[in-house]
Amino acid sequence: MWTFLSGIFLGWGLGSNDSANIFGTGVAANIIKYRTAIILISICVLIGALLEGPKCFATVGMFSKLSTTTAFGAALAAGIIVALMSYLSLPVSTSQAIIGSLLGIGIIYGFADFGKLYKVIICWVLTPIGAMVVSIVLYKVLRFLFERVILDLRLRSFFLTGGLVVAGCYGAYALGANNVANVTGVYVGSGLLNPLGAAAIGGLSIASGVLTYSRKVMRTIGMRIVPMDA
């Protein structure tokens, strides 16, 4: 049981840090209450982890051959970094933390596989660029709708609130589906857990971080809001 504690700690840190990316702006803009946001995130994260999380376990496990001890150490190292960033109110990539810790252990034991790292790095580079492009397009579409089509203020408010909740719930679902492998994928790679058990433990640990320690980073993300009428 002690072996899983570092993964649970990493999941807690991931939840406390990454939940801000989902509803941070909505909470800061008073569109959705903080308590409502963290409850929605926790539920959708767990659903995403259970339904689609096991798909990504192989990607995390392919960077090094893990024993019980190395799996524990990799998760603990990443968990410490993520928790420290949450304490400092700084958003951080849990994927980079766990991949870095796996490669570090691989370097020590001489079996780090850097040949497969380029695929992950490409994703790290393209993800923010893709999100930037999509956000620009969505901003222009929404601005057009608000200026030409949706003129009633109450309808605008309903549209924004409903859209934020739907997008946030889907974002939380994707967070669980994509990131649960970062939390407990090392245990699947070492044979300590099956994919479904790893998804359940990882999803619950992420949800615990969302519910207990997500306010600080959420405030940091919320400070970067750009008003729609700017």
C-alpha atoms as a PDB file:
ATOM      1  CA  MET A   1       0.000   0.000   0.000  1.00  0.00           C
ATOM      2  CA  TRP A   2       2.826   2.430   0.801  1.00  0.00           C
ATOM      3  CA  THR A   3       3.957   2.239  -2.808  1.00  0.00           C
ATOM      4  CA  PHE A   4       0.812   4.026  -3.988  1.00  0.00           C
ATOM      5  CA  LEU A   5       1.149   6.936  -1.552  1.00  0.00           C
ATOM      6  CA  SER A   6       3.500   8.874  -3.816  1.00  0.00           C
ATOM      7  CA  GLY A   7       1.072   8.511  -6.729  1.00  0.00           C
ATOM      8  CA  ILE A   8      -1.809   9.671  -4.556  1.00  0.00           C
ATOM      9  CA  PHE A   9       0.322  12.636  -3.477  1.00  0.00           C
ATOM     10  CA  LEU A  10       1.103  13.435  -7.119  1.00  0.00           C
ATOM     11  CA  GLY A  11      -2.593  13.196  -8.022  1.00  0.00           C
ATOM     12  CA  TRP A  12      -3.471  15.538  -5.176  1.00  0.00           C
ATOM     13  CA  GLY A  13      -0.911  18.024  -6.460  1.00  0.00           C
ATOM     14  CA  LEU A  14      -2.177  17.695 -10.021  1.00  0.00           C
ATOM     15  CA  GLY A  15      -5.745  18.368  -8.929  1.00  0.00           C
ATOM     16  CA  SER A  16      -4.772  21.374  -6.844  1.00  0.00           C
ATOM     17  CA  ASN A  17      -2.753  22.851  -9.715  1.00  0.00           C
ATOM     18  CA  ASP A  18      -4.536  21.965 -12.951  1.00  0.00           C
ATOM     19  CA  SER A  19      -8.112  22.655 -11.861  1.00  0.00           C
ATOM     20  CA  ALA A  20      -7.340  26.359 -12.195  1.00  0.00           C
ATOM     21  CA  ASN A  21      -6.969  25.918 -15.952  1.00  0.00           C
ATOM     22  CA  ILE A  22     -10.594  24.817 -16.174  1.00  0.00           C
ATOM     23  CA  PHE A  23     -12.657  27.255 -14.108  1.00  0.00           C
ATOM     24  CA  GLY A  24     -10.098  29.806 -12.897  1.00  0.00           C
ATOM     25  CA  THR A  25     -11.285  32.592 -15.177  1.00  0.00           C
ATOM     26  CA  GLY A  26     -14.960  31.829 -14.543  1.00  0.00           C
ATOM     27  CA  VAL A  27     -14.509  31.924 -10.766  1.00  0.00           C
ATOM     28  CA  ALA A  28     -12.474  35.147 -10.930  1.00  0.00           C
ATOM     29  CA  ALA A  29     -15.152  36.767 -13.123  1.00  0.00           C
ATOM     30  CA  ASN A  30     -17.866  35.674 -10.650  1.00  0.00           C
ATOM     31  CA  ILE A  31     -19.645  33.712 -13.378  1.00  0.00           C
ATOM     32  CA  ILE A  32     -19.477  30.529 -11.318  1.00  0.00           C
ATOM     33  CA  LYS A  33     -18.945  30.056  -7.593  1.00  0.00           C
ATOM     34  CA  TYR A  34     -15.718  28.448  -6.418  1.00  0.00           C
ATOM     35  CA  ARG A  35     -17.508  25.681  -4.503  1.00  0.00           C
ATOM     36  CA  THR A  36     -19.675  24.824  -7.514  1.00  0.00           C
ATOM     37  CA  ALA A  37     -16.621  24.808  -9.772  1.00  0.00           C
ATOM     38  CA  ILE A  38     -14.588  22.372  -7.677  1.00  0.00           C
ATOM     39  CA  ILE A  39     -17.521  19.982  -7.280  1.00  0.00           C
ATOM     40  CA  LEU A  40     -18.121  19.900 -11.049  1.00  0.00           C
ATOM     41  CA  ILE A  41     -14.405  19.446 -11.732  1.00  0.00           C
ATOM     42  CA  SER A  42     -14.089  16.582  -9.243  1.00  0.00           C
ATOM     43  CA  ILE A  43     -17.025  14.652 -10.680  1.00  0.00           C
ATOM     44  CA  CYS A  44     -16.002  15.098 -14.327  1.00  0.00           C
ATOM     45  CA  VAL A  45     -12.329  14.346 -13.620  1.00  0.00           C
ATOM     46  CA  LEU A  46     -13.246  10.999 -12.084  1.00  0.00           C
ATOM     47  CA  ILE A  47     -15.565  10.128 -14.975  1.00  0.00           C
ATOM     48  CA  GLY A  48     -12.889  10.986 -17.529  1.00  0.00           C
ATOM     49  CA  ALA A  49     -10.247   9.013 -15.658  1.00  0.00           C
ATOM     50  CA  LEU A  50     -12.405   5.881 -15.498  1.00  0.00           C
ATOM     51  CA  LEU A  51     -13.746   5.997 -19.064  1.00  0.00           C
ATOM     52  CA  GLU A  52     -10.695   7.054 -21.070  1.00  0.00           C
ATOM     53  CA  GLY A  53      -7.738   7.308 -18.693  1.00  0.00           C
ATOM     54  CA  PRO A  54      -6.284   3.829 -19.338  1.00  0.00           C
ATOM     55  CA  LYS A  55      -5.534   4.790 -22.982  1.00  0.00           C
ATOM     56  CA  CYS A  56      -2.539   6.913 -21.925  1.00  0.00           C
ATOM     57  CA  PHE A  57      -0.893   4.508 -19.471  1.00  0.00           C
ATOM     58  CA  ALA A  58       1.332   2.952 -22.114  1.00  0.00           C
ATOM     59  CA  THR A  59       2.791   6.346 -23.074  1.00  0.00           C
ATOM     60  CA  VAL A  60       3.983   7.127 -19.556  1.00  0.00           C
ATOM     61  CA  GLY A  61       5.348   3.644 -18.973  1.00  0.00           C
ATOM     62  CA  MET A  62       7.417   3.501 -22.135  1.00  0.00           C
ATOM     63  CA  PHE A  63      10.163   5.858 -20.903  1.00  0.00           C
ATOM     64  CA  SER A  64      11.742   3.494 -18.394  1.00  0.00           C
ATOM     65  CA  LYS A  65      11.459   0.005 -16.922  1.00  0.00           C
ATOM     66  CA  LEU A  66      10.045   0.399 -13.434  1.00  0.00           C
ATOM     67  CA  SER A  67      10.309  -1.668 -10.303  1.00  0.00           C
ATOM     68  CA  THR A  68       8.215  -1.082  -7.192  1.00  0.00           C
ATOM     69  CA  THR A  69      10.852   1.238  -5.726  1.00  0.00           C
ATOM     70  CA  THR A  70      11.469   3.238  -8.893  1.00  0.00           C
ATOM     71  CA  ALA A  71       7.724   3.663  -9.507  1.00  0.00           C
ATOM     72  CA  PHE A  72       7.366   5.058  -5.992  1.00  0.00           C
ATOM     73  CA  GLY A  73      10.371   7.367  -6.444  1.00  0.00           C
ATOM     74  CA  ALA A  74       9.260   8.705  -9.826  1.00  0.00           C
ATOM     75  CA  ALA A  75       5.781   9.594  -8.578  1.00  0.00           C
ATOM     76  CA  LEU A  76       7.164  11.129  -5.378  1.00  0.00           C
ATOM     77  CA  ALA A  77       9.684  13.323  -7.229  1.00  0.00           C
ATOM     78  CA  ALA A  78       7.017  14.638  -9.592  1.00  0.00           C
ATOM     79  CA  GLY A  79       4.569  15.090  -6.711  1.00  0.00           C
ATOM     80  CA  ILE A  80       7.018  17.221  -4.727  1.00  0.00           C
ATOM     81  CA  ILE A  81       7.608  19.534  -7.692  1.00  0.00           C
ATOM     82  CA  VAL A  82       3.902  19.924  -8.485  1.00  0.00           C
ATOM     83  CA  ALA A  83       2.961  20.496  -4.826  1.00  0.00           C
ATOM     84  CA  LEU A  84       5.709  23.121  -4.502  1.00  0.00           C
ATOM     85  CA  MET A  85       4.380  24.952  -7.557  1.00  0.00           C
ATOM     86  CA  SER A  86       0.851  24.867  -6.126  1.00  0.00           C
ATOM     87  CA  TYR A  87       2.146  26.315  -2.852  1.00  0.00           C
ATOM     88  CA  LEU A  88       3.779  29.124  -4.847  1.00  0.00           C
ATOM     89  CA  SER A  89       0.473  29.658  -6.737  1.00  0.00           C
ATOM     90  CA  LEU A  90       2.159  28.814 -10.048  1.00  0.00           C
ATOM     91  CA  PRO A  91       0.540  26.660 -12.764  1.00  0.00           C
ATOM     92  CA  VAL A  92       2.782  23.810 -13.907  1.00  0.00           C
ATOM     93  CA  SER A  93       2.636  20.830 -16.283  1.00  0.00           C
ATOM     94  CA  THR A  94       2.304  17.543 -14.421  1.00  0.00           C
ATOM     95  CA  SER A  95       3.143  15.703 -17.651  1.00  0.00           C
ATOM     96  CA  GLN A  96       6.546  17.383 -17.772  1.00  0.00           C
ATOM     97  CA  ALA A  97       7.144  16.625 -14.093  1.00  0.00           C
ATOM     98  CA  ILE A  98       6.436  12.885 -14.336  1.00  0.00           C
ATOM     99  CA  ILE A  99       8.232  12.410 -17.679  1.00  0.00           C
ATOM    100  CA  GLY A 100      11.243  14.249 -16.266  1.00  0.00           C
ATOM    101  CA  SER A 101      11.320  12.099 -13.138  1.00  0.00           C
ATOM    102  CA  LEU A 102      11.026   8.910 -15.214  1.00  0.00           C
ATOM    103  CA  LEU A 103      13.896   9.957 -17.433  1.00  0.00           C
ATOM    104  CA  GLY A 104      15.965  10.859 -14.364  1.00  0.00           C
ATOM    105  CA  ILE A 105      15.505   7.377 -12.944  1.00  0.00           C
ATOM    106  CA  GLY A 106      16.244   5.915 -16.364  1.00  0.00           C
ATOM    107  CA  ILE A 107      19.519   7.841 -16.511  1.00  0.00           C
ATOM    108  CA  ILE A 108      20.547   6.498 -13.094  1.00  0.00           C
ATOM    109  CA  TYR A 109      19.862   2.883 -14.066  1.00  0.00           C
ATOM    110  CA  GLY A 110      20.965   3.238 -17.688  1.00  0.00           C
ATOM    111  CA  PHE A 111      17.709   2.493 -19.490  1.00  0.00           C
ATOM    112  CA  ALA A 112      16.252   5.954 -20.239  1.00  0.00           C
ATOM    113  CA  ASP A 113      14.590   5.935 -23.676  1.00  0.00           C
ATOM    114  CA  PHE A 114      15.108   9.393 -25.164  1.00  0.00           C
ATOM    115  CA  GLY A 115      14.173   8.126 -28.638  1.00  0.00           C
ATOM    116  CA  LYS A 116      10.473   8.241 -27.764  1.00  0.00           C
ATOM    117  CA  LEU A 117      10.644  11.634 -26.058  1.00  0.00           C
ATOM    118  CA  TYR A 118      10.306  13.660 -29.257  1.00  0.00           C
ATOM    119  CA  LYS A 119       6.637  12.663 -29.667  1.00  0.00           C
ATOM    120  CA  VAL A 120       5.787  14.030 -26.232  1.00  0.00           C
ATOM    121  CA  ILE A 121       7.823  17.206 -26.795  1.00  0.00           C
ATOM    122  CA  ILE A 122       5.966  17.831 -30.051  1.00  0.00           C
ATOM    123  CA  CYS A 123       2.696  17.638 -28.110  1.00  0.00           C
ATOM    124  CA  TRP A 124       4.035  20.039 -25.464  1.00  0.00           C
ATOM    125  CA  VAL A 125       4.918  22.551 -28.199  1.00  0.00           C
ATOM    126  CA  LEU A 126       1.791  22.191 -30.325  1.00  0.00           C
ATOM    127  CA  THR A 127      -0.731  22.201 -27.461  1.00  0.00           C
ATOM    128  CA  PRO A 128      -0.321  25.875 -26.422  1.00  0.00           C
ATOM    129  CA  ILE A 129      -0.015  26.973 -30.051  1.00  0.00           C
ATOM    130  CA  GLY A 130      -3.169  25.095 -31.001  1.00  0.00           C
ATOM    131  CA  ALA A 131      -5.050  26.458 -27.991  1.00  0.00           C
ATOM    132  CA  MET A 132      -3.957  30.001 -28.888  1.00  0.00           C
ATOM    133  CA  VAL A 133      -5.249  29.665 -32.455  1.00  0.00           C
ATOM    134  CA  VAL A 134      -8.564  28.163 -31.341  1.00  0.00           C
ATOM    135  CA  SER A 135      -9.052  30.861 -28.687  1.00  0.00           C
ATOM    136  CA  ILE A 136      -8.501  33.633 -31.248  1.00  0.00           C
ATOM    137  CA  VAL A 137     -11.075  32.096 -33.595  1.00  0.00           C
ATOM    138  CA  LEU A 138     -13.600  31.560 -30.784  1.00  0.00           C
ATOM    139  CA  TYR A 139     -13.101  35.105 -29.514  1.00  0.00           C
ATOM    140  CA  LYS A 140     -13.883  36.563 -32.935  1.00  0.00           C
ATOM    141  CA  VAL A 141     -16.940  34.344 -33.341  1.00  0.00           C
ATOM    142  CA  LEU A 142     -18.293  35.219 -29.892  1.00  0.00           C
ATOM    143  CA  ARG A 143     -17.655  38.905 -30.382  1.00  0.00           C
ATOM    144  CA  PHE A 144     -19.545  38.802 -33.672  1.00  0.00           C
ATOM    145  CA  LEU A 145     -22.468  36.997 -32.004  1.00  0.00           C
ATOM    146  CA  PHE A 146     -22.631  39.460 -29.128  1.00  0.00           C
ATOM    147  CA  GLU A 147     -22.432  42.509 -31.380  1.00  0.00           C
ATOM    148  CA  ARG A 148     -24.751  41.339 -34.173  1.00  0.00           C
ATOM    149  CA  VAL A 149     -26.940  38.459 -32.975  1.00  0.00           C
ATOM    150  CA  ILE A 150     -27.248  38.096 -29.188  1.00  0.00           C
ATOM    151  CA  LEU A 151     -28.201  41.629 -28.178  1.00  0.00           C
ATOM    152  CA  ASP A 152     -30.286  40.903 -25.079  1.00  0.00           C
ATOM    153  CA  LEU A 153     -28.115  41.156 -21.943  1.00  0.00           C
ATOM    154  CA  ARG A 154     -29.951  38.377 -20.104  1.00  0.00           C
ATOM    155  CA  LEU A 155     -29.544  36.050 -23.068  1.00  0.00           C
ATOM    156  CA  ARG A 156     -25.833  36.905 -23.218  1.00  0.00           C
ATOM    157  CA  SER A 157     -25.457  36.112 -19.541  1.00  0.00           C
ATOM    158  CA  PHE A 158     -27.259  32.779 -19.953  1.00  0.00           C
ATOM    159  CA  PHE A 159     -25.147  31.943 -23.003  1.00  0.00           C
ATOM    160  CA  LEU A 160     -21.871  32.753 -21.239  1.00  0.00           C
ATOM    161  CA  THR A 161     -22.744  30.940 -18.023  1.00  0.00           C
ATOM    162  CA  GLY A 162     -24.046  27.847 -19.785  1.00  0.00           C
ATOM    163  CA  GLY A 163     -21.131  27.790 -22.212  1.00  0.00           C
ATOM    164  CA  LEU A 164     -18.630  28.129 -19.383  1.00  0.00           C
ATOM    165  CA  VAL A 165     -20.171  25.266 -17.416  1.00  0.00           C
ATOM    166  CA  VAL A 166     -20.317  22.953 -20.443  1.00  0.00           C
ATOM    167  CA  ALA A 167     -16.771  23.803 -21.549  1.00  0.00           C
ATOM    168  CA  GLY A 168     -15.478  23.498 -17.984  1.00  0.00           C
ATOM    169  CA  CYS A 169     -17.077  20.103 -17.433  1.00  0.00           C
ATOM    170  CA  TYR A 170     -15.648  18.834 -20.694  1.00  0.00           C
ATOM    171  CA  GLY A 171     -12.249  20.282 -19.770  1.00  0.00           C
ATOM    172  CA  ALA A 172     -12.389  18.487 -16.424  1.00  0.00           C
ATOM    173  CA  TYR A 173     -13.357  15.254 -18.185  1.00  0.00           C
ATOM    174  CA  ALA A 174     -10.371  15.668 -20.508  1.00  0.00           C
ATOM    175  CA  LEU A 175      -8.133  16.461 -17.532  1.00  0.00           C
ATOM    176  CA  GLY A 176      -9.008  13.142 -15.938  1.00  0.00           C
ATOM    177  CA  ALA A 177      -8.795  11.193 -19.202  1.00  0.00           C
ATOM    178  CA  ASN A 178      -5.433  12.626 -20.233  1.00  0.00           C
ATOM    179  CA  ASN A 179      -3.655  13.171 -16.930  1.00  0.00           C
ATOM    180  CA  VAL A 180      -4.556  10.184 -14.782  1.00  0.00           C
ATOM    181  CA  ALA A 181      -1.736   8.315 -16.549  1.00  0.00           C
ATOM    182  CA  ASN A 182       0.688  10.895 -15.167  1.00  0.00           C
ATOM    183  CA  VAL A 183      -0.463   9.991 -11.663  1.00  0.00           C
ATOM    184  CA  THR A 184      -0.659   6.210 -11.630  1.00  0.00           C
ATOM    185  CA  GLY A 185       0.761   5.177 -15.007  1.00  0.00           C
ATOM    186  CA  VAL A 186       4.047   4.222 -13.355  1.00  0.00           C
ATOM    187  CA  TYR A 187       2.227   1.560 -11.340  1.00  0.00           C
ATOM    188  CA  VAL A 188       0.712   0.041 -14.465  1.00  0.00           C
ATOM    189  CA  GLY A 189       4.146   0.031 -16.104  1.00  0.00           C
ATOM    190  CA  SER A 190       5.639  -1.783 -13.110  1.00  0.00           C
ATOM    191  CA  GLY A 191       2.779  -4.303 -12.922  1.00  0.00           C
ATOM    192  CA  LEU A 192       1.535  -3.141  -9.520  1.00  0.00           C
ATOM    193  CA  LEU A 193      -1.913  -2.080 -10.751  1.00  0.00           C
ATOM    194  CA  ASN A 194      -4.236  -2.944 -13.600  1.00  0.00           C
ATOM    195  CA  PRO A 195      -5.437  -0.025 -15.783  1.00  0.00           C
ATOM    196  CA  LEU A 196      -8.901   0.232 -14.212  1.00  0.00           C
ATOM    197  CA  GLY A 197      -7.567   0.201 -10.648  1.00  0.00           C
ATOM    198  CA  ALA A 198      -4.930   2.774 -11.566  1.00  0.00           C
ATOM    199  CA  ALA A 199      -7.579   4.970 -13.189  1.00  0.00           C
ATOM    200  CA  ALA A 200      -9.785   4.808 -10.088  1.00  0.00           C
ATOM    201  CA  ILE A 201      -6.984   5.618  -7.635  1.00  0.00           C
ATOM    202  CA  GLY A 202      -5.623   8.349  -9.880  1.00  0.00           C
ATOM    203  CA  GLY A 203      -9.019   9.926 -10.502  1.00  0.00           C
ATOM    204  CA  LEU A 204      -9.906  10.007  -6.805  1.00  0.00           C
ATOM    205  CA  SER A 205      -6.540  11.496  -5.853  1.00  0.00           C
ATOM    206  CA  ILE A 206      -6.889  14.239  -8.486  1.00  0.00           C
ATOM    207  CA  ALA A 207     -10.393  15.009  -7.211  1.00  0.00           C
ATOM    208  CA  SER A 208      -9.071  15.265  -3.643  1.00  0.00           C
ATOM    209  CA  GLY A 209      -6.584  17.938  -4.725  1.00  0.00           C
ATOM    210  CA  VAL A 210      -9.312  19.874  -6.504  1.00  0.00           C
ATOM    211  CA  LEU A 211     -11.536  19.834  -3.431  1.00  0.00           C
ATOM    212  CA  THR A 212      -8.906  20.727  -0.832  1.00  0.00           C
ATOM    213  CA  TYR A 213      -6.203  22.986  -2.281  1.00  0.00           C
ATOM    214  CA  SER A 214      -7.092  24.490  -5.673  1.00  0.00           C
ATOM    215  CA  ARG A 215      -7.998  28.045  -4.672  1.00  0.00           C
ATOM    216  CA  LYS A 216      -4.457  29.523  -4.749  1.00  0.00           C
ATOM    217  CA  VAL A 217      -3.568  28.610  -8.325  1.00  0.00           C
ATOM    218  CA  MET A 218      -7.121  29.387  -9.449  1.00  0.00           C
ATOM    219  CA  ARG A 219      -6.598  32.954  -8.272  1.00  0.00           C
ATOM    220  CA  THR A 220      -3.355  33.172 -10.261  1.00  0.00           C
ATOM    221  CA  ILE A 221      -5.053  32.025 -13.480  1.00  0.00           C
ATOM    222  CA  GLY A 222      -8.033  34.296 -12.816  1.00  0.00           C
ATOM    223  CA  MET A 223      -5.821  37.373 -12.616  1.00  0.00           C
ATOM    224  CA  ARG A 224      -5.108  37.002 -16.368  1.00  0.00           C
ATOM    225  CA  ILE A 225      -8.689  37.542 -17.557  1.00  0.00           C
ATOM    226  CA  VAL A 226      -9.153  39.674 -20.685  1.00  0.00           C
ATOM    227  CA  PRO A 227     -12.672  41.201 -20.771  1.00  0.00           C
ATOM    228  CA  MET A 228     -14.786  40.368 -23.815  1.00  0.00           C
ATOM    229  CA  ASP A 229     -15.325  44.083 -24.523  1.00  0.00           C
ATOM    230  CA  ALA A 230     -11.623  45.020 -24.246  1.00  0.00           C
END
